[in-house]
Amino acid sequence: MSRPIVATLDGAALQQNLAIARQAAPGSRVWSVVKANAYGHGIERIWQSLAATDGFAVLNLEEAILLRERGWKKPILLLEGFFNADELETIDHYRLTTSVHSNWQIQALATATLSAPVDIYLKVNSGMNRLGFLPTQVNSAWQSLRRLDNVGNMTLMAHFAEAESHEGIIEPMKRIEQAAEGLNCARSLANSAATLWHPQTHFDWVRPGIILYGASPSGQWADIAGSGLKPVMTLHSEIIALQNLKAGEGVGYGYRYHSRAAQRIGVVACGYADGYPRHAPTGTPVLVDGVRSQTLGAISMDMLMVDLTPCPQAGIGSAVELWGNDVKIDDVAHAAGTVGYELMCALARRVPVVIR
């Protein structure tokens, strides 16, 4: 690693976060959501730290196959189901559970040649208007699936658009109850926010995602500060150069920052090509030599600048935490007008990753 930037993953934090999710929903089984390559952490790197889960929820076949080939024997759920009928052969071979959200998928299951029935998660459109059957369509879709020899166990599945607030689940739960009327069925409804804050949504399976990685589903670290959840990813680098500014001098592309007085700044080996948000403004929090400071000026492809006024002892080689245990990824995301999910998923392949 000639360049000092590195992302460190804390396997013990993953285990702790999973335990907290399970404690929040003690009567439910847990799907650990590892889509988007485990939210940028790397499925292959972290899945064993989540081995206590009851199942993994993924986006596509590639992620599911990776888990099976690494030795995972327990359930795997395809959150968006299959994208064409040919994928049912692979679903059958690897014994995957698939969501069903469209009539064409029901028809594909009806005509497929499978070695054994496939377990199904029937998706309800709870008002989010992404995937799923309307509540008035669910009973018909359920009965159509139930008649198929290719279908095994069935579960009703839904998602929440605004589970961060109490009011956000009221109307969706009404739609889900309407959809489930007359069905004696298992349910999987709760995402991270609902797992933490809405026990009435827990039912048979919960599906925590972002909280497994130690960030807040609301985007506000304060909302989970007392939960025991710990950040899993720390992105850190070093100061590679120093500049002494005179009053009025500019910093970086476009001179988006000008010093008001003489000022010492540090240049850090991290930029938007590493996954740091290019649109992060002056003032985005950063930790330098253990002292909280801020970025200055525009984020470059490979570098960013930081204020050394709060930490005059800092120099070339001083440690810089971009996000992690002290600088929460939610705080960086908030400053940049985005969410912690995006920053995790944007970690670039060129950044070395170390697991501890």
Protein backbone atom coordinates (compact mmCIF):
# COMPACT_ATOMS: atom_id res chain seq x y z
CA MET A 1 0.00 0.00 0.00
CA SER A 2 2.15 2.88 -1.24
CA ARG A 3 -0.68 5.40 -0.96
CA PRO A 4 -1.80 5.83 2.66
CA ILE A 5 -5.57 5.65 2.23
CA VAL A 6 -7.21 2.47 3.57
CA ALA A 7 -10.64 1.28 4.68
CA THR A 8 -10.73 -0.84 7.83
CA LEU A 9 -13.67 -3.15 8.55
CA ASP A 10 -14.49 -4.20 12.11
CA GLY A 11 -15.84 -7.76 12.14
CA ALA A 12 -16.69 -7.59 15.85
CA ALA A 13 -18.84 -4.52 15.19
CA LEU A 14 -20.79 -6.47 12.56
CA GLN A 15 -21.44 -9.25 15.05
CA GLN A 16 -22.54 -6.75 17.68
CA ASN A 17 -24.84 -4.91 15.29
CA LEU A 18 -26.50 -8.16 14.23
CA ALA A 19 -27.03 -9.07 17.88
CA ILE A 20 -28.65 -5.67 18.50
CA ALA A 21 -30.98 -6.14 15.53
CA ARG A 22 -31.95 -9.55 16.87
CA GLN A 23 -32.55 -8.13 20.36
CA ALA A 24 -34.81 -5.46 18.85
CA ALA A 25 -37.00 -8.16 17.28
CA PRO A 26 -36.61 -11.17 19.61
CA GLY A 27 -39.57 -13.05 18.20
CA SER A 28 -38.46 -12.81 14.58
CA ARG A 29 -35.88 -14.42 12.40
CA VAL A 30 -33.35 -12.16 10.68
CA TRP A 31 -32.54 -11.66 7.03
CA SER A 32 -29.19 -9.84 6.98
CA VAL A 33 -29.29 -7.60 3.91
CA VAL A 34 -26.01 -7.77 2.00
CA LYS A 35 -27.12 -6.38 -1.36
CA ALA A 36 -24.89 -3.90 -3.21
CA ASN A 37 -21.89 -6.05 -2.25
CA ALA A 38 -22.79 -5.72 1.44
CA TYR A 39 -23.35 -1.98 1.13
CA GLY A 40 -19.86 -1.55 -0.26
CA HIS A 41 -18.16 -3.57 2.47
CA GLY A 42 -17.72 -6.66 0.30
CA ILE A 43 -19.85 -9.80 0.75
CA GLU A 44 -16.84 -12.06 0.53
CA ARG A 45 -15.09 -10.09 3.27
CA ILE A 46 -17.90 -9.83 5.80
CA TRP A 47 -20.35 -12.70 5.45
CA GLN A 48 -18.64 -14.89 8.04
CA SER A 49 -18.96 -12.10 10.61
CA LEU A 50 -22.72 -12.37 10.04
CA ALA A 51 -22.79 -16.17 10.23
CA ALA A 52 -25.20 -16.02 13.20
CA THR A 53 -27.94 -14.65 10.95
CA ASP A 54 -30.88 -16.79 9.87
CA GLY A 55 -30.53 -15.88 6.21
CA PHE A 56 -28.98 -13.46 3.75
CA ALA A 57 -30.98 -11.10 1.53
CA VAL A 58 -29.29 -10.14 -1.75
CA LEU A 59 -30.13 -8.35 -4.97
CA ASN A 60 -28.97 -10.69 -7.70
CA LEU A 61 -27.90 -14.21 -8.51
CA GLU A 62 -24.21 -13.35 -8.51
CA GLU A 63 -24.34 -12.37 -4.84
CA ALA A 64 -26.35 -15.47 -3.96
CA ILE A 65 -24.01 -17.80 -5.84
CA LEU A 66 -20.98 -16.27 -4.12
CA LEU A 67 -22.49 -17.04 -0.72
CA ARG A 68 -23.40 -20.59 -1.69
CA GLU A 69 -19.94 -21.25 -3.11
CA ARG A 70 -18.34 -19.91 0.08
CA GLY A 71 -20.30 -22.49 2.02
CA TRP A 72 -23.48 -20.76 3.21
CA LYS A 73 -26.17 -23.44 3.61
CA LYS A 74 -29.04 -21.50 5.15
CA PRO A 75 -31.67 -19.43 3.27
CA ILE A 76 -30.87 -16.74 0.71
CA LEU A 77 -33.57 -14.31 -0.44
CA LEU A 78 -33.55 -12.54 -3.81
CA LEU A 79 -35.09 -9.18 -2.89
CA GLU A 80 -36.11 -8.25 -6.45
CA GLY A 81 -36.73 -11.81 -7.51
CA PHE A 82 -35.69 -13.10 -10.92
CA PHE A 83 -35.31 -10.82 -13.92
CA ASN A 84 -36.04 -13.42 -16.60
CA ALA A 85 -37.52 -16.91 -16.62
CA ASP A 86 -34.18 -18.58 -17.41
CA GLU A 87 -32.91 -17.63 -13.95
CA LEU A 88 -35.32 -20.08 -12.34
CA GLU A 89 -32.97 -22.91 -13.25
CA THR A 90 -30.22 -21.28 -11.18
CA ILE A 91 -32.64 -20.49 -8.35
CA ASP A 92 -33.62 -24.15 -8.30
CA HIS A 93 -30.01 -25.36 -8.42
CA TYR A 94 -28.84 -23.17 -5.54
CA ARG A 95 -32.07 -23.52 -3.56
CA LEU A 96 -32.82 -19.82 -3.30
CA THR A 97 -35.92 -18.02 -2.07
CA THR A 98 -37.28 -15.52 -4.57
CA SER A 99 -39.61 -12.57 -4.30
CA VAL A 100 -42.46 -12.35 -6.78
CA HIS A 101 -43.83 -8.94 -7.64
CA SER A 102 -45.32 -9.30 -11.15
CA ASN A 103 -47.75 -11.55 -12.99
CA TRP A 104 -45.14 -12.57 -15.55
CA GLN A 105 -43.10 -14.14 -12.74
CA ILE A 106 -46.10 -16.22 -11.69
CA GLN A 107 -46.47 -17.42 -15.27
CA ALA A 108 -42.76 -18.24 -15.43
CA LEU A 109 -43.04 -20.34 -12.27
CA ALA A 110 -46.06 -22.13 -13.70
CA THR A 111 -44.17 -23.33 -16.78
CA ALA A 112 -40.70 -23.92 -15.27
CA THR A 113 -39.21 -27.39 -14.84
CA LEU A 114 -37.77 -27.51 -11.32
CA SER A 115 -36.31 -30.28 -9.19
CA ALA A 116 -38.23 -29.15 -6.10
CA PRO A 117 -40.64 -26.37 -5.09
CA VAL A 118 -39.17 -22.91 -4.59
CA ASP A 119 -40.03 -20.76 -1.59
CA ILE A 120 -41.72 -17.48 -2.49
CA TYR A 121 -41.96 -13.99 -0.99
CA LEU A 122 -45.02 -12.29 -2.50
CA LYS A 123 -44.41 -8.55 -2.64
CA VAL A 124 -47.14 -6.09 -1.64
CA ASN A 125 -47.09 -2.51 -2.90
CA SER A 126 -47.52 -0.76 0.44
CA GLY A 127 -47.79 2.66 -1.21
CA MET A 128 -44.15 3.11 -2.15
CA ASN A 129 -45.02 2.34 -5.79
CA ARG A 130 -41.85 0.53 -6.68
CA LEU A 131 -42.42 -3.23 -6.80
CA GLY A 132 -45.36 -5.33 -5.76
CA PHE A 133 -49.04 -6.13 -6.20
CA LEU A 134 -51.71 -3.72 -5.07
CA PRO A 135 -53.55 -4.87 -1.93
CA THR A 136 -56.63 -5.68 -4.01
CA GLN A 137 -54.53 -7.95 -6.26
CA VAL A 138 -52.68 -9.87 -3.58
CA ASN A 139 -55.27 -12.53 -2.78
CA SER A 140 -55.61 -13.51 -6.44
CA ALA A 141 -51.82 -13.63 -6.91
CA TRP A 142 -51.43 -15.63 -3.70
CA GLN A 143 -54.00 -18.21 -4.77
CA SER A 144 -52.45 -18.50 -8.23
CA LEU A 145 -49.07 -19.24 -6.69
CA ARG A 146 -50.49 -21.59 -4.07
CA ARG A 147 -51.93 -23.80 -6.83
CA LEU A 148 -48.51 -24.32 -8.44
CA ASP A 149 -46.50 -27.47 -7.75
CA ASN A 150 -43.34 -25.40 -8.24
CA VAL A 151 -44.13 -23.20 -5.22
CA GLY A 152 -43.14 -24.17 -1.68
CA ASN A 153 -43.47 -22.03 1.42
CA MET A 154 -44.96 -18.59 0.90
CA THR A 155 -44.44 -15.35 2.82
CA LEU A 156 -46.04 -11.93 2.41
CA MET A 157 -43.41 -9.23 1.94
CA ALA A 158 -43.59 -5.43 1.96
CA HIS A 159 -41.36 -2.41 2.42
CA PHE A 160 -41.73 0.99 4.08
CA ALA A 161 -40.89 4.33 2.53
CA GLU A 162 -40.90 6.32 5.80
CA ALA A 163 -40.35 3.95 8.70
CA GLU A 164 -38.14 6.57 10.37
CA SER A 165 -41.30 8.15 11.82
CA HIS A 166 -44.33 6.77 13.64
CA GLU A 167 -46.70 8.25 11.09
CA GLY A 168 -44.71 6.72 8.23
CA ILE A 169 -45.96 3.20 8.86
CA ILE A 170 -49.63 3.90 9.59
CA GLU A 171 -51.00 3.94 6.02
CA PRO A 172 -48.63 1.23 4.72
CA MET A 173 -49.71 -1.09 7.55
CA LYS A 174 -53.36 -0.50 6.61
CA ARG A 175 -52.57 -1.51 3.03
CA ILE A 176 -50.65 -4.57 4.19
CA GLU A 177 -53.51 -5.65 6.47
CA GLN A 178 -55.92 -5.22 3.55
CA ALA A 179 -53.63 -7.36 1.37
CA ALA A 180 -53.34 -10.08 4.03
CA GLU A 181 -57.07 -10.34 4.72
CA GLY A 182 -58.14 -13.97 4.57
CA LEU A 183 -54.56 -15.25 4.28
CA ASN A 184 -52.97 -17.29 7.05
CA CYS A 185 -49.45 -16.29 6.09
CA ALA A 186 -45.99 -15.54 7.40
CA ARG A 187 -44.86 -11.95 6.91
CA SER A 188 -41.60 -10.06 6.37
CA LEU A 189 -42.08 -6.31 6.55
CA ALA A 190 -39.51 -4.58 8.73
CA ASN A 191 -36.45 -2.83 7.31
CA SER A 192 -33.76 -1.33 9.58
CA ALA A 193 -35.90 1.55 10.83
CA ALA A 194 -38.92 -0.65 11.48
CA THR A 195 -36.74 -3.25 13.18
CA LEU A 196 -35.45 -0.64 15.64
CA TRP A 197 -38.55 1.48 16.21
CA HIS A 198 -41.76 -0.36 15.21
CA PRO A 199 -42.18 -3.73 16.95
CA GLN A 200 -45.71 -4.07 15.53
CA THR A 201 -44.08 -4.64 12.11
CA HIS A 202 -41.72 -7.45 13.12
CA PHE A 203 -43.81 -10.60 12.47
CA ASP A 204 -41.85 -13.64 11.24
CA TRP A 205 -38.76 -12.16 9.55
CA VAL A 206 -37.09 -8.74 9.80
CA ARG A 207 -34.69 -7.42 7.18
CA PRO A 208 -32.05 -5.12 8.74
CA GLY A 209 -29.63 -3.52 6.31
CA ILE A 210 -27.95 -0.22 7.12
CA ILE A 211 -27.93 -0.81 10.89
CA LEU A 212 -25.78 -3.91 10.42
CA TYR A 213 -23.06 -1.59 9.14
CA GLY A 214 -23.44 0.87 12.00
CA ALA A 215 -25.20 3.80 10.34
CA SER A 216 -28.62 5.30 10.96
CA PRO A 217 -31.63 4.53 8.73
CA SER A 218 -32.79 8.10 9.34
CA GLY A 219 -29.45 9.58 8.28
CA GLN A 220 -29.06 11.12 11.74
CA TRP A 221 -26.46 9.50 14.00
CA ALA A 222 -28.22 10.98 17.04
CA ASP A 223 -31.16 8.65 16.37
CA ILE A 224 -29.05 5.55 17.07
CA ALA A 225 -26.36 7.03 19.34
CA GLY A 226 -27.65 5.15 22.39
CA SER A 227 -28.40 1.88 20.61
CA GLY A 228 -24.99 0.24 20.89
CA LEU A 229 -24.62 0.09 17.12
CA LYS A 230 -21.01 0.58 16.01
CA PRO A 231 -19.62 1.77 12.67
CA VAL A 232 -18.08 -1.12 10.75
CA MET A 233 -16.13 0.85 8.13
CA THR A 234 -13.44 3.41 8.94
CA LEU A 235 -11.92 5.30 6.02
CA HIS A 236 -8.60 6.80 6.97
CA SER A 237 -5.59 8.35 5.29
CA GLU A 238 -2.72 10.72 6.06
CA ILE A 239 -1.55 14.24 5.42
CA ILE A 240 0.86 14.17 2.48
CA ALA A 241 1.67 17.88 2.17
CA LEU A 242 1.34 21.20 4.02
CA GLN A 243 0.54 24.71 2.83
CA ASN A 244 0.82 28.02 4.68
CA LEU A 245 -1.75 30.46 3.36
CA LYS A 246 -1.74 34.22 3.50
CA ALA A 247 -4.96 36.11 4.10
CA GLY A 248 -7.17 36.00 0.99
CA GLU A 249 -5.46 33.05 -0.73
CA GLY A 250 -7.66 30.46 -2.41
CA VAL A 251 -7.71 26.69 -2.02
CA GLY A 252 -8.39 24.03 -4.62
CA TYR A 253 -10.31 24.02 -7.89
CA GLY A 254 -12.46 27.09 -8.37
CA TYR A 255 -11.05 28.68 -5.22
CA ARG A 256 -14.21 27.77 -3.33
CA TYR A 257 -12.46 28.66 -0.10
CA HIS A 258 -10.37 31.75 0.69
CA SER A 259 -8.45 32.17 3.92
CA ARG A 260 -9.48 35.12 6.08
CA ALA A 261 -6.10 35.27 7.78
CA ALA A 262 -2.82 33.41 7.78
CA GLN A 263 -3.73 29.73 7.93
CA ARG A 264 -2.00 26.36 7.87
CA ILE A 265 -3.69 23.59 5.90
CA GLY A 266 -3.01 19.93 5.18
CA VAL A 267 -3.39 18.00 1.95
CA VAL A 268 -4.90 14.53 2.46
CA ALA A 269 -4.56 11.52 0.16
CA CYS A 270 -8.28 11.03 -0.45
CA GLY A 271 -10.58 12.28 -3.19
CA TYR A 272 -13.76 11.54 -5.07
CA ALA A 273 -12.05 8.75 -7.03
CA ASP A 274 -11.72 6.96 -3.69
CA GLY A 275 -15.44 7.37 -2.97
CA TYR A 276 -15.37 10.54 -0.93
CA PRO A 277 -18.29 12.78 -1.98
CA ARG A 278 -17.15 15.36 -4.52
CA HIS A 279 -19.95 17.71 -3.48
CA ALA A 280 -18.87 17.79 0.18
CA PRO A 281 -18.60 21.50 1.05
CA THR A 282 -16.11 23.39 3.13
CA GLY A 283 -16.81 22.50 6.74
CA THR A 284 -17.40 18.77 6.26
CA PRO A 285 -16.11 17.12 9.45
CA VAL A 286 -12.82 15.25 9.53
CA LEU A 287 -10.50 14.01 12.28
CA VAL A 288 -6.83 15.02 12.11
CA ASP A 289 -4.40 13.62 14.66
CA GLY A 290 -7.36 12.81 16.88
CA VAL A 291 -8.73 16.36 16.71
CA ARG A 292 -11.99 17.25 14.97
CA SER A 293 -11.47 19.67 12.08
CA GLN A 294 -13.01 20.35 8.66
CA THR A 295 -12.41 20.18 4.94
CA LEU A 296 -11.59 23.31 2.93
CA GLY A 297 -12.48 24.00 -0.69
CA ALA A 298 -13.44 21.60 -3.45
CA ILE A 299 -12.76 17.87 -3.24
CA SER A 300 -10.30 16.82 -5.94
CA MET A 301 -10.10 13.44 -7.65
CA ASP A 302 -7.23 12.26 -5.45
CA MET A 303 -6.86 14.85 -2.69
CA LEU A 304 -8.73 17.05 -0.27
CA MET A 305 -7.60 19.86 1.98
CA VAL A 306 -8.19 20.23 5.71
CA ASP A 307 -7.86 23.02 8.23
CA LEU A 308 -4.98 22.50 10.69
CA THR A 309 -5.89 25.44 12.92
CA PRO A 310 -7.41 23.18 15.63
CA CYS A 311 -4.42 20.81 15.49
CA PRO A 312 -1.20 22.83 15.08
CA GLN A 313 0.87 19.77 15.99
CA ALA A 314 -0.26 17.93 12.82
CA GLY A 315 2.22 17.46 10.02
CA ILE A 316 3.10 15.21 7.13
CA GLY A 317 2.13 11.66 8.03
CA SER A 318 -0.52 12.68 10.56
CA ALA A 319 -3.48 10.32 10.67
CA VAL A 320 -6.78 11.46 9.17
CA GLU A 321 -10.15 9.80 9.72
CA LEU A 322 -12.58 10.62 6.90
CA TRP A 323 -15.37 8.63 8.53
CA GLY A 324 -15.60 5.87 11.09
CA ASN A 325 -15.70 5.65 14.86
CA ASP A 326 -15.19 9.34 15.60
CA VAL A 327 -16.43 11.06 12.46
CA LYS A 328 -19.73 9.32 11.76
CA ILE A 329 -20.48 8.52 8.14
CA ASP A 330 -23.97 9.97 8.69
CA ASP A 331 -22.42 13.33 9.61
CA VAL A 332 -20.24 13.38 6.49
CA ALA A 333 -23.21 12.38 4.35
CA HIS A 334 -25.42 15.04 5.92
CA ALA A 335 -22.83 17.73 5.24
CA ALA A 336 -22.61 16.56 1.62
CA GLY A 337 -26.37 16.44 1.14
CA THR A 338 -26.56 12.67 0.74
CA VAL A 339 -26.95 9.54 2.87
CA GLY A 340 -24.52 7.15 4.51
CA TYR A 341 -25.76 4.35 2.24
CA GLU A 342 -24.33 6.12 -0.80
CA LEU A 343 -20.93 6.75 0.77
CA MET A 344 -20.56 3.11 1.80
CA CYS A 345 -21.55 1.84 -1.62
CA ALA A 346 -19.28 4.35 -3.37
CA LEU A 347 -16.05 3.13 -1.79
CA ALA A 348 -13.75 2.72 -4.78
CA ARG A 349 -12.04 -0.51 -5.73
CA ARG A 350 -8.68 1.21 -5.63
CA VAL A 351 -8.98 1.72 -1.84
CA PRO A 352 -7.31 -1.17 0.03
CA VAL A 353 -9.55 -2.86 2.59
CA VAL A 354 -8.31 -4.41 5.83
CA ILE A 355 -10.45 -6.58 8.14
CA ARG A 356 -9.76 -6.66 11.84
